[in-house]
Amino acid sequence: MKITTIKSNRDFQRIYRRGKSFVSPALVTYAIKTKSHNLRIGITTSKKVGKAVNRNRSRRVIRAAFAHINADQSASYDIIFVARTRTAYCKSYEVEKYMREHLKMLGVIS
C-alpha cells in the first residue's frame, strides 16, 4: 500500500463535506473511506495557527506523529489533519496520542 498526499482543493472540500471528523485540543481529523487501495493524507494549517514559523512547525509535528503510526495496510482512506493553535507548541508524541485515538475510532489502526 502506498501513502500519498492530497493536493487538490476539490478533494479537500469533498472530505470536509462528507467525511467524519474527530476533534482534540491539538488536532482535528477528517476522514472518508475510499475505493482506491491507498492511504492519502493531507495537512492544513490556517493563519490562525500563527506566522509561517508556527504553521511550518505544526506541519512538521503532524508529519512526525503520523510517521510513528503503523497504519493498517488494507485501509483505504483519505485523511486530513488540521492543525490547531496549540499544535505548534506540542511535541510530536502528544499529537501522536491524539492521532492514534482518532484513527482507532475510524478503524485505520488497531
Protein backbone atom coordinates (compact mmCIF):
# COMPACT_ATOMS: atom_id res chain seq x y z
CA MET A 1 0.00 0.00 0.00
CA LYS A 2 1.21 3.45 -0.87
CA ILE A 3 0.71 6.60 1.19
CA THR A 4 0.27 9.66 -0.99
CA THR A 5 -0.60 13.27 -0.30
CA ILE A 6 -3.83 15.07 -1.09
CA LYS A 7 -3.16 18.24 -3.02
CA SER A 8 -6.27 19.31 -4.91
CA ASN A 9 -8.75 21.68 -3.35
CA ARG A 10 -11.63 19.62 -4.74
CA ASP A 11 -10.51 16.57 -2.74
CA PHE A 12 -10.14 18.65 0.43
CA GLN A 13 -13.64 20.08 0.03
CA ARG A 14 -15.14 16.62 -0.58
CA ILE A 15 -13.54 15.22 2.57
CA TYR A 16 -14.65 18.22 4.65
CA ARG A 17 -18.26 17.82 3.45
CA ARG A 18 -18.69 14.06 3.51
CA GLY A 19 -16.07 12.79 5.96
CA LYS A 20 -16.25 12.03 9.66
CA SER A 21 -14.50 14.46 11.94
CA PHE A 22 -12.74 13.98 15.25
CA VAL A 23 -11.61 16.88 17.43
CA SER A 24 -8.94 17.11 20.12
CA PRO A 25 -7.14 20.10 21.67
CA ALA A 26 -4.17 19.88 19.30
CA LEU A 27 -5.59 18.25 16.18
CA VAL A 28 -8.72 17.91 14.04
CA THR A 29 -9.02 14.86 11.81
CA TYR A 30 -11.37 14.45 8.85
CA ALA A 31 -11.56 11.06 7.14
CA ILE A 32 -13.55 9.29 4.47
CA LYS A 33 -13.33 5.71 3.24
CA THR A 34 -12.41 5.34 -0.42
CA LYS A 35 -12.45 2.57 -3.00
CA SER A 36 -8.85 3.08 -4.08
CA HIS A 37 -6.27 0.84 -2.44
CA ASN A 38 -4.06 3.51 -0.98
CA LEU A 39 -3.98 5.80 2.02
CA ARG A 40 -3.92 9.52 1.21
CA ILE A 41 -3.22 12.21 3.78
CA GLY A 42 -3.40 15.98 3.70
CA ILE A 43 -2.27 18.52 6.28
CA THR A 44 -3.71 22.01 6.58
CA THR A 45 -2.75 24.92 8.77
CA SER A 46 -4.60 28.20 8.72
CA LYS A 47 -3.28 31.64 9.50
CA LYS A 48 -5.00 31.36 12.88
CA VAL A 49 -2.19 28.99 13.89
CA GLY A 50 0.30 31.83 13.68
CA LYS A 51 3.04 33.11 11.44
CA ALA A 52 4.87 30.92 8.91
CA VAL A 53 7.27 29.54 11.52
CA ASN A 54 4.41 28.20 13.65
CA ARG A 55 2.50 26.85 10.65
CA ASN A 56 5.56 25.01 9.35
CA ARG A 57 6.33 23.60 12.81
CA SER A 58 2.74 22.40 13.10
CA ARG A 59 3.00 20.56 9.79
CA ARG A 60 6.34 19.01 10.80
CA VAL A 61 4.91 17.83 14.14
CA ILE A 62 1.89 16.27 12.44
CA ARG A 63 4.07 14.52 9.81
CA ALA A 64 6.41 13.18 12.52
CA ALA A 65 3.47 11.89 14.57
CA PHE A 66 1.97 10.13 11.55
CA ALA A 67 5.35 8.55 10.70
CA HIS A 68 5.35 6.74 14.06
CA ILE A 69 1.91 5.25 13.49
CA ASN A 70 1.72 2.00 11.56
CA ALA A 71 -1.48 2.32 9.58
CA ASP A 72 -3.37 -0.83 8.60
CA GLN A 73 -2.08 -1.98 5.21
CA SER A 74 -5.56 -2.79 3.92
CA ALA A 75 -7.06 0.57 4.89
CA SER A 76 -8.09 2.83 2.04
CA TYR A 77 -8.92 6.24 3.46
CA ASP A 78 -8.48 9.89 2.65
CA ILE A 79 -7.43 11.65 5.85
CA ILE A 80 -6.96 15.35 6.51
CA PHE A 81 -5.20 16.58 9.63
CA VAL A 82 -5.94 20.18 10.58
CA ALA A 83 -3.51 21.92 12.90
CA ARG A 84 -4.86 23.98 15.74
CA THR A 85 -3.22 26.90 17.54
CA ARG A 86 -1.87 24.59 20.21
CA THR A 87 -0.22 22.19 17.73
CA ALA A 88 2.85 24.39 17.21
CA TYR A 89 3.62 24.22 20.91
CA CYS A 90 3.13 20.44 21.29
CA LYS A 91 5.67 17.69 20.96
CA SER A 92 5.11 15.06 18.28
CA TYR A 93 4.36 12.33 20.86
CA GLU A 94 1.47 14.42 22.25
CA VAL A 95 -0.01 14.90 18.79
CA GLU A 96 0.60 11.19 18.09
CA LYS A 97 -1.54 10.29 21.12
CA TYR A 98 -4.50 12.30 19.78
CA MET A 99 -3.92 10.97 16.26
CA ARG A 100 -3.96 7.36 17.48
CA GLU A 101 -7.30 7.96 19.24
CA HIS A 102 -8.82 9.42 16.07
CA LEU A 103 -7.51 6.68 13.79
CA LYS A 104 -8.63 3.93 16.17
CA MET A 105 -12.17 5.32 16.22
CA LEU A 106 -12.04 5.32 12.43
CA GLY A 107 -10.63 1.79 12.17
CA VAL A 108 -7.47 2.70 10.28
CA ILE A 109 -5.25 1.27 13.04
CA SER A 110 -5.97 -1.45 15.53
